[in-house]
Protein backbone atom coordinates (compact mmCIF):
# COMPACT_ATOMS: atom_id res chain seq x y z
CA MET A 1 -181.00 115.74 -77.41
CA TRP A 2 -180.84 112.33 -79.33
CA ALA A 3 -177.55 111.40 -80.58
CA VAL A 4 -177.53 110.67 -84.14
CA SER A 5 -175.07 108.05 -85.61
CA VAL A 6 -174.48 108.21 -89.26
CA LEU A 7 -173.74 104.93 -90.90
CA ARG A 8 -171.45 105.18 -93.87
CA ALA A 9 -171.99 102.64 -96.52
CA ALA A 10 -168.85 101.07 -98.03
CA PRO A 11 -168.10 102.65 -101.43
CA SER A 12 -169.38 100.61 -104.18
CA ARG A 13 -167.19 99.61 -107.13
CA ALA A 14 -168.29 101.05 -110.38
CA PRO A 15 -169.74 98.38 -112.91
CA GLY A 16 -166.98 99.18 -115.20
CA ARG A 17 -164.27 98.45 -112.75
CA CYS A 18 -165.81 95.07 -111.62
CA ALA A 19 -166.03 93.94 -115.31
CA HIS A 20 -162.30 95.12 -115.97
CA SER A 21 -161.27 93.29 -112.85
CA ALA A 22 -163.08 90.04 -113.78
CA LEU A 23 -161.53 90.13 -117.36
CA ALA A 24 -158.09 90.62 -115.91
CA GLN A 25 -158.65 87.70 -113.69
CA LEU A 26 -159.70 85.57 -116.54
CA ARG A 27 -156.77 86.54 -118.63
CA GLY A 28 -154.51 85.67 -115.94
CA ILE A 29 -156.18 82.19 -115.50
CA LEU A 30 -156.07 81.39 -119.26
CA GLN A 31 -152.52 82.69 -119.70
CA GLU A 32 -151.32 80.36 -116.93
CA GLU A 33 -153.06 77.47 -118.59
CA LEU A 34 -151.61 78.33 -122.06
CA GLU A 35 -148.08 78.44 -120.66
CA GLY A 36 -148.79 75.02 -119.15
CA ILE A 37 -149.79 73.65 -122.54
CA ARG A 38 -146.57 75.24 -124.11
CA GLY A 39 -144.43 73.85 -121.30
CA ALA A 40 -145.81 70.37 -121.83
CA GLY A 41 -144.87 70.35 -125.40
CA THR A 42 -148.42 69.91 -126.51
CA TRP A 43 -149.01 73.32 -128.08
CA LYS A 44 -150.71 72.96 -131.39
CA SER A 45 -149.91 75.47 -134.10
CA GLU A 46 -151.94 76.01 -137.20
CA ARG A 47 -149.72 76.01 -140.41
CA ILE A 48 -151.39 78.24 -143.19
CA ILE A 49 -151.91 76.69 -146.41
CA THR A 50 -151.96 78.93 -149.41
CA SER A 51 -153.25 76.59 -152.19
CA ARG A 52 -156.01 74.12 -152.70
CA GLN A 53 -156.17 71.03 -150.78
CA GLY A 54 -154.40 67.90 -152.49
CA PRO A 55 -151.37 65.61 -152.26
CA ARG A 56 -149.09 68.74 -153.24
CA ILE A 57 -149.83 72.05 -151.44
CA ARG A 58 -148.19 75.33 -150.68
CA VAL A 59 -147.59 76.40 -147.18
CA ASP A 60 -147.12 80.00 -145.90
CA GLY A 61 -143.35 80.65 -145.25
CA VAL A 62 -142.04 77.41 -146.93
CA SER A 63 -140.75 77.67 -150.62
CA GLY A 64 -141.97 75.24 -153.23
CA GLU A 65 -144.47 72.46 -153.09
CA ILE A 66 -144.96 70.33 -150.02
CA LEU A 67 -146.21 66.80 -150.12
CA ASN A 68 -149.40 66.49 -147.82
CA PHE A 69 -149.68 63.33 -145.69
CA CYS A 70 -152.04 64.37 -143.03
CA ALA A 71 -155.35 65.22 -144.88
CA ASN A 72 -158.64 63.26 -144.72
CA ASN A 73 -158.71 63.56 -148.45
CA TYR A 74 -158.76 59.78 -148.86
CA LEU A 75 -159.87 59.63 -152.33
CA GLY A 76 -158.25 62.92 -153.62
CA LEU A 77 -161.67 64.44 -154.53
CA SER A 78 -161.35 67.67 -152.46
CA SER A 79 -160.14 69.70 -155.52
CA HIS A 80 -161.15 67.29 -158.28
CA PRO A 81 -162.29 69.32 -161.34
CA GLU A 82 -165.54 67.56 -161.61
CA VAL A 83 -166.51 68.02 -157.81
CA ILE A 84 -165.62 71.66 -158.15
CA GLN A 85 -167.72 72.21 -161.28
CA ALA A 86 -170.73 70.48 -159.57
CA GLY A 87 -170.38 72.85 -156.49
CA LEU A 88 -170.23 75.83 -158.92
CA LYS A 89 -173.28 74.62 -160.75
CA ASN A 90 -175.20 74.43 -157.64
CA LEU A 91 -173.98 77.89 -156.33
CA LYS A 92 -175.22 79.67 -159.54
CA GLU A 93 -178.55 77.63 -159.74
CA PHE A 94 -179.44 77.52 -155.95
CA GLY A 95 -177.58 80.28 -154.46
CA ALA A 96 -175.04 80.75 -151.80
CA GLY A 97 -177.05 79.49 -148.75
CA LEU A 98 -180.66 79.24 -147.53
CA SER A 99 -180.67 81.55 -144.60
CA SER A 100 -182.94 79.07 -142.83
CA VAL A 101 -183.18 75.89 -141.01
CA ARG A 102 -184.59 72.93 -142.94
CA PHE A 103 -188.22 72.73 -141.48
CA ILE A 104 -188.78 76.58 -142.10
CA CYS A 105 -187.67 77.19 -145.63
CA GLY A 106 -184.28 75.62 -145.91
CA THR A 107 -185.13 72.46 -147.89
CA GLN A 108 -184.35 72.47 -151.57
CA SER A 109 -184.74 69.42 -154.04
CA ILE A 110 -180.96 69.13 -153.94
CA HIS A 111 -181.09 68.34 -150.19
CA LYS A 112 -183.92 65.68 -150.71
CA ASP A 113 -182.02 64.15 -153.68
CA LEU A 114 -178.68 63.92 -151.75
CA GLU A 115 -180.33 62.45 -148.67
CA ALA A 116 -181.87 59.66 -151.10
CA LYS A 117 -178.54 59.19 -152.74
CA ILE A 118 -176.87 58.59 -149.44
CA ALA A 119 -179.61 55.98 -148.25
CA ARG A 120 -178.97 54.23 -151.66
CA PHE A 121 -175.29 54.17 -151.21
CA HIS A 122 -175.53 52.51 -147.73
CA GLN A 123 -178.51 50.52 -148.87
CA ARG A 124 -180.55 51.86 -146.19
CA GLU A 125 -184.18 53.27 -146.06
CA ASP A 126 -183.53 56.83 -145.35
CA ALA A 127 -180.92 59.53 -144.57
CA ILE A 128 -180.87 62.95 -143.02
CA LEU A 129 -178.26 65.65 -143.44
CA PHE A 130 -176.59 67.53 -140.56
CA PRO A 131 -174.07 70.60 -140.65
CA SER A 132 -171.32 68.08 -139.72
CA CYS A 133 -171.03 64.56 -138.52
CA PHE A 134 -170.15 65.96 -135.15
CA ASP A 135 -173.63 67.55 -135.18
CA ALA A 136 -175.34 64.20 -136.35
CA ASN A 137 -173.66 62.35 -133.25
CA ALA A 138 -174.68 65.26 -131.10
CA GLY A 139 -178.28 64.99 -132.14
CA LEU A 140 -178.84 61.19 -132.49
CA PHE A 141 -178.54 59.86 -128.99
CA GLU A 142 -180.62 62.46 -127.20
CA ALA A 143 -183.41 62.42 -129.84
CA LEU A 144 -183.75 58.45 -129.72
CA LEU A 145 -182.99 57.33 -126.21
CA THR A 146 -184.63 58.02 -122.85
CA GLN A 147 -183.91 57.23 -119.14
CA GLU A 148 -185.45 53.74 -119.93
CA ASP A 149 -182.77 52.96 -122.32
CA ALA A 150 -179.00 52.07 -122.29
CA VAL A 151 -176.07 52.85 -124.60
CA LEU A 152 -172.90 51.00 -124.70
CA SER A 153 -169.72 52.87 -125.90
CA ASP A 154 -166.19 52.05 -126.88
CA GLU A 155 -163.91 53.97 -124.49
CA LEU A 156 -161.90 55.27 -127.53
CA ASN A 157 -164.83 56.42 -129.48
CA HIS A 158 -164.55 59.90 -131.05
CA ALA A 159 -165.12 62.85 -128.99
CA SER A 160 -168.46 63.65 -130.89
CA ILE A 161 -169.83 60.27 -129.87
CA ILE A 162 -168.86 60.93 -126.29
CA ASP A 163 -170.42 64.42 -126.32
CA GLY A 164 -173.60 62.95 -127.99
CA ILE A 165 -174.04 60.40 -125.46
CA ARG A 166 -173.57 62.84 -122.66
CA LEU A 167 -176.55 64.78 -123.79
CA CYS A 168 -178.97 61.99 -123.55
CA LYS A 169 -180.63 60.69 -120.49
CA ALA A 170 -180.01 56.79 -121.23
CA HIS A 171 -178.03 54.73 -118.80
CA LYS A 172 -174.35 54.85 -120.01
CA PHE A 173 -171.90 51.99 -120.16
CA ARG A 174 -168.29 52.26 -121.44
CA TYR A 175 -166.47 48.95 -122.48
CA ARG A 176 -162.67 48.54 -123.00
CA HIS A 177 -161.38 49.27 -126.43
CA LEU A 178 -162.38 46.42 -128.77
CA ASP A 179 -162.73 44.20 -125.82
CA MET A 180 -165.64 41.91 -126.59
CA ALA A 181 -165.67 40.21 -123.28
CA ASP A 182 -166.11 43.42 -121.45
CA LEU A 183 -168.81 44.46 -124.07
CA GLU A 184 -170.73 41.15 -123.35
CA ALA A 185 -170.49 41.94 -119.60
CA LYS A 186 -171.82 45.32 -120.04
CA LEU A 187 -174.67 43.96 -122.24
CA LYS A 188 -175.59 41.52 -119.46
CA GLU A 189 -175.81 44.35 -117.06
CA ALA A 190 -177.93 46.34 -119.40
CA GLN A 191 -180.60 43.74 -119.90
CA LYS A 192 -182.92 45.46 -117.54
CA HIS A 193 -183.24 48.41 -119.77
CA ARG A 194 -185.72 48.87 -122.46
CA LEU A 195 -183.44 49.52 -125.50
CA ARG A 196 -179.87 48.90 -125.83
CA LEU A 197 -177.71 50.54 -128.41
CA VAL A 198 -173.91 49.60 -128.79
CA ALA A 199 -172.09 52.59 -130.26
CA THR A 200 -168.55 52.37 -131.86
CA ASP A 201 -166.47 53.99 -134.48
CA GLY A 202 -165.92 51.75 -137.51
CA ALA A 203 -162.42 52.95 -137.92
CA PHE A 204 -160.74 54.68 -134.88
CA SER A 205 -159.24 58.12 -136.14
CA MET A 206 -156.27 58.18 -133.78
CA ASP A 207 -155.02 54.61 -133.81
CA GLY A 208 -156.00 53.25 -137.45
CA ASP A 209 -157.73 50.21 -135.99
CA ILE A 210 -161.08 48.74 -137.07
CA ALA A 211 -163.87 47.70 -134.78
CA PRO A 212 -164.63 43.90 -134.63
CA LEU A 213 -168.26 44.46 -136.08
CA LYS A 214 -168.92 40.75 -136.63
CA GLU A 215 -168.34 40.11 -132.99
CA ILE A 216 -170.21 43.24 -131.89
CA CYS A 217 -173.22 42.28 -134.19
CA GLN A 218 -173.25 38.70 -132.81
CA LEU A 219 -173.38 40.05 -129.24
CA ALA A 220 -175.94 42.60 -130.11
CA SER A 221 -178.21 39.83 -131.65
CA GLN A 222 -177.57 37.49 -128.72
CA TYR A 223 -178.54 40.20 -126.19
CA GLY A 224 -181.19 42.02 -128.26
CA ALA A 225 -179.22 45.25 -128.90
CA LEU A 226 -179.16 47.78 -131.71
CA VAL A 227 -175.81 48.71 -133.37
CA PHE A 228 -174.58 52.31 -134.25
CA VAL A 229 -171.43 52.73 -136.34
CA ASP A 230 -169.57 56.10 -136.90
CA GLU A 231 -167.98 55.57 -140.27
CA CYS A 232 -166.33 59.01 -140.88
CA HIS A 233 -162.91 57.34 -141.40
CA ALA A 234 -164.37 54.37 -143.56
CA THR A 235 -166.93 55.87 -145.91
CA GLY A 236 -165.64 55.93 -149.53
CA PHE A 237 -162.62 53.75 -149.39
CA LEU A 238 -163.24 50.69 -146.89
CA GLY A 239 -164.86 47.77 -148.21
CA ALA A 240 -164.81 46.30 -151.75
CA THR A 241 -166.89 49.24 -153.11
CA GLY A 242 -166.00 51.70 -150.46
CA ARG A 243 -169.29 51.49 -148.48
CA GLY A 244 -167.52 51.20 -145.16
CA THR A 245 -166.47 48.88 -142.33
CA ASP A 246 -169.94 47.05 -142.43
CA GLU A 247 -169.14 46.13 -146.17
CA LEU A 248 -165.52 45.46 -145.23
CA LEU A 249 -166.47 42.83 -142.51
CA GLY A 250 -169.71 41.45 -144.17
CA VAL A 251 -172.34 42.82 -141.67
CA ARG A 252 -174.21 45.42 -143.73
CA ASP A 253 -177.55 43.84 -142.91
CA GLN A 254 -176.70 43.76 -139.00
CA VAL A 255 -175.71 47.44 -138.45
CA THR A 256 -178.80 49.54 -137.52
CA ILE A 257 -177.53 52.99 -137.79
CA ILE A 258 -174.70 54.67 -139.66
CA ASN A 259 -173.52 58.28 -139.14
CA SER A 260 -170.66 59.61 -141.46
CA THR A 261 -169.45 62.68 -143.03
CA LEU A 262 -169.18 64.60 -146.36
CA GLY A 263 -166.21 66.35 -145.07
CA LYS A 264 -163.50 63.57 -145.55
CA ALA A 265 -163.51 61.23 -148.72
CA LEU A 266 -166.70 62.47 -150.15
CA GLY A 267 -165.50 65.87 -151.39
CA GLY A 268 -163.66 67.18 -148.13
CA ALA A 269 -166.10 70.23 -147.79
CA SER A 270 -168.51 69.73 -144.77
CA GLY A 271 -171.69 68.07 -143.74
CA GLY A 272 -172.67 64.79 -142.08
CA TYR A 273 -175.46 62.55 -141.99
CA THR A 274 -177.45 59.75 -140.47
CA THR A 275 -178.79 56.73 -142.39
CA GLY A 276 -180.78 53.84 -141.22
CA PRO A 277 -184.43 52.62 -140.94
CA GLY A 278 -187.17 55.17 -141.98
CA PRO A 279 -188.95 55.13 -138.61
CA LEU A 280 -185.55 56.01 -136.92
CA VAL A 281 -184.64 58.90 -139.30
CA SER A 282 -188.17 60.51 -138.85
CA PRO A 283 -187.94 61.34 -135.37
CA LEU A 284 -184.47 63.06 -135.83
CA ARG A 285 -186.26 65.53 -138.29
CA GLN A 286 -188.54 66.17 -135.35
CA ARG A 287 -186.35 66.24 -132.48
CA ALA A 288 -182.64 66.36 -133.20
CA ARG A 289 -181.55 69.75 -132.03
CA PRO A 290 -178.54 70.27 -134.38
CA TYR A 291 -180.82 69.57 -137.30
CA LEU A 292 -183.63 71.79 -136.07
CA PHE A 293 -181.47 74.76 -134.94
CA SER A 294 -178.82 74.87 -137.79
CA ASN A 295 -178.84 76.27 -141.08
CA SER A 296 -179.21 73.99 -144.12
CA LEU A 297 -176.04 72.77 -145.82
CA PRO A 298 -175.16 75.34 -148.66
CA PRO A 299 -175.84 74.35 -152.22
CA ALA A 300 -172.30 74.12 -153.32
CA ILE A 301 -171.36 71.54 -150.62
CA VAL A 302 -174.47 69.54 -151.51
CA GLY A 303 -173.27 69.68 -155.13
CA CYS A 304 -169.79 68.77 -154.32
CA ALA A 305 -170.91 65.83 -152.14
CA SER A 306 -173.38 64.56 -154.68
CA LYS A 307 -170.80 64.49 -157.49
CA ALA A 308 -168.28 62.70 -155.21
CA LEU A 309 -170.96 59.97 -154.47
CA ASP A 310 -171.73 59.64 -158.28
CA MET A 311 -167.99 59.26 -159.09
CA LEU A 312 -167.63 56.50 -156.46
CA MET A 313 -170.82 54.66 -157.34
CA GLU A 314 -169.83 54.76 -161.16
CA ASP A 315 -166.22 53.50 -160.62
CA ASN A 316 -164.66 52.14 -157.32
CA SER A 317 -161.41 51.14 -158.65
CA ILE A 318 -159.89 54.07 -156.71
CA VAL A 319 -160.76 51.98 -153.51
CA GLN A 320 -158.20 49.25 -154.57
CA SER A 321 -155.59 52.08 -155.44
CA ILE A 322 -155.56 53.51 -151.88
CA THR A 323 -155.44 49.89 -150.35
CA ALA A 324 -152.16 48.98 -152.24
CA LYS A 325 -150.64 52.44 -151.46
CA THR A 326 -151.45 52.01 -147.64
CA GLN A 327 -149.68 48.52 -147.67
CA ARG A 328 -146.75 49.97 -149.38
CA PHE A 329 -146.22 52.85 -146.71
CA ARG A 330 -146.87 50.56 -143.61
CA SER A 331 -144.54 47.79 -144.94
CA LYS A 332 -141.71 50.20 -145.70
CA MET A 333 -141.97 52.15 -142.40
CA GLN A 334 -142.15 48.95 -140.30
CA ALA A 335 -139.23 47.48 -142.39
CA ALA A 336 -137.38 50.80 -141.35
CA GLY A 337 -137.87 50.15 -137.61
CA PHE A 338 -141.00 52.44 -136.95
CA THR A 339 -144.03 51.07 -134.94
CA ILE A 340 -147.12 51.76 -136.96
CA SER A 341 -150.45 51.43 -135.11
CA GLY A 342 -153.60 49.98 -136.66
CA VAL A 343 -154.09 47.37 -139.40
CA ASN A 344 -154.34 48.03 -143.17
CA HIS A 345 -155.93 51.59 -142.83
CA PRO A 346 -154.95 54.70 -144.45
CA ILE A 347 -154.57 56.20 -140.98
CA CYS A 348 -150.97 55.20 -140.20
CA PRO A 349 -149.98 56.45 -136.82
CA VAL A 350 -146.23 56.61 -136.23
CA MET A 351 -146.01 55.86 -132.53
CA LEU A 352 -143.31 58.05 -130.78
CA GLY A 353 -144.53 58.41 -127.10
CA ASP A 354 -142.99 61.68 -126.36
CA ALA A 355 -145.09 64.82 -127.12
CA ARG A 356 -141.91 67.04 -127.90
CA LEU A 357 -140.37 64.39 -130.11
CA ALA A 358 -143.53 64.28 -132.22
CA SER A 359 -143.70 67.90 -132.64
CA SER A 360 -140.04 68.35 -133.19
CA MET A 361 -140.02 65.67 -135.84
CA ALA A 362 -143.16 66.90 -137.60
CA ASP A 363 -141.28 70.31 -137.93
CA ASP A 364 -138.13 68.63 -139.29
CA MET A 365 -140.24 66.86 -141.84
CA LEU A 366 -141.69 70.15 -143.14
CA LYS A 367 -138.19 71.29 -143.81
CA ARG A 368 -137.90 68.21 -145.96
CA GLY A 369 -140.89 68.97 -147.96
CA ILE A 370 -143.42 66.67 -146.01
CA PHE A 371 -146.52 68.11 -144.15
CA VAL A 372 -147.32 65.90 -141.36
CA ILE A 373 -148.58 66.84 -137.76
CA GLY A 374 -147.62 65.53 -134.32
CA PHE A 375 -150.61 64.54 -132.19
CA SER A 376 -150.38 64.66 -128.31
CA TYR A 377 -152.45 64.99 -125.26
CA PRO A 378 -155.40 65.69 -125.05
CA VAL A 379 -155.99 64.60 -128.57
CA VAL A 380 -154.42 61.30 -127.61
CA PRO A 381 -153.62 59.82 -124.24
CA LYS A 382 -150.51 61.05 -122.28
CA GLY A 383 -147.37 59.04 -123.28
CA LYS A 384 -148.92 57.96 -126.59
CA ALA A 385 -147.85 60.92 -128.87
CA ARG A 386 -147.55 60.08 -132.53
CA ILE A 387 -147.31 61.60 -135.94
CA ARG A 388 -150.39 60.54 -137.89
CA VAL A 389 -149.70 59.79 -141.50
CA GLN A 390 -152.75 59.43 -143.95
CA ILE A 391 -152.50 57.94 -147.28
CA SER A 392 -154.54 59.24 -150.19
CA ALA A 393 -155.32 57.53 -153.51
CA VAL A 394 -153.81 60.41 -155.35
CA HIS A 395 -150.41 59.88 -153.70
CA SER A 396 -148.07 58.29 -156.15
CA GLU A 397 -145.57 55.55 -155.12
CA GLU A 398 -142.84 57.92 -155.46
CA ASP A 399 -144.59 60.34 -153.14
CA ILE A 400 -144.79 57.56 -150.57
CA ASP A 401 -141.29 56.43 -150.82
CA ARG A 402 -140.06 60.04 -150.51
CA CYS A 403 -142.10 60.36 -147.32
CA VAL A 404 -140.56 57.16 -145.88
CA GLU A 405 -137.09 58.33 -146.68
CA ALA A 406 -137.71 61.62 -144.93
CA PHE A 407 -139.03 59.65 -141.80
CA VAL A 408 -135.88 57.52 -141.56
CA GLU A 409 -133.73 60.46 -141.98
CA VAL A 410 -135.48 62.52 -139.35
CA GLY A 411 -136.03 59.61 -137.16
CA ARG A 412 -132.35 58.82 -136.98
CA ARG A 413 -131.57 62.47 -136.38
CA HIS A 414 -133.74 62.72 -133.26
CA GLY A 415 -132.95 59.22 -131.97
CA ALA A 416 -136.35 57.55 -132.88
CA LEU A 417 -134.38 55.17 -135.02
CA PRO A 418 -131.01 53.47 -134.32
């Protein structure tokens, strides 16, 4: 009689238990990472604003009005009555949204009008709208550059530029921040490639410094390269008429491509764009993935941004106003003993070094009626924590002086000043 052996299979886990176990493992991993962020003093809390954006706001849990010194509301247009009214007009006439991407049924006359207005503003041939400038940067490099080309990027460029470059197949070169000798060395190395594109922020958002566009454009001309500038922290308020760093530095005819935003000085809502030569913009409509696969900008946002541009083009005196107020803040803070990064830009980083110090001082500033935020790793490099102050054209001189007085008081309390 044959002996029959019975092999018993190991009991299998139920699918539900596996999923629960995987989720529990994920929770444990993430909790450990979050505790590490808290322990390093780099935890980022979100304060809740209960009013419109502006120089004076209301904050949940804090009584009275608070002076806001950390918004990108450079021209004070985020809650301007004319900007709001333009948004309401478009909302009523063109609806809440398009429920479509642009190439299907998402292009209205107002989108084309705004693109034409942006091109006129920058004195370029054409422009294309994106949901944000992050999307404009994400779509540009992949659509234009191939493995035959090269892109040369400042090491401190915005994360959206870095991410956009990562998506493309071009050969990638990173040059040291504002270092023209290193850029030239990289341009020499990139001569073997078909196209060379130098990519830089016009104004760097964490440090308030400005790219040396004259020198960049000279090198680009010498080595046969194109120049791309992200103008998010320049459009509307840098240069004599607010056109940006290319106007400020006298190279408007030498910068090939500009990407910028509608979400800062130009109304503060949302949206971004690319503007430049017509033959460059057309391929973006065909190939830029954020453009092809994202809903069109809502009509209200289009109306707000269009009105903000109209106001700026009709009267640019507000540009001079923000320049004078920026100089007032910087000079008073430096006289008090603080180190302020950057040069003559409304972004005024108060350099503190330690992440906990920056966070604690920002909390104490709020108690004194000043809304500012501490910036630390990974937003800025380790050991370079700061409180980034941003000046707006609608801040009064009294607002600025009050902010400086609070900084001095808080700085002394925390040992940041003698």
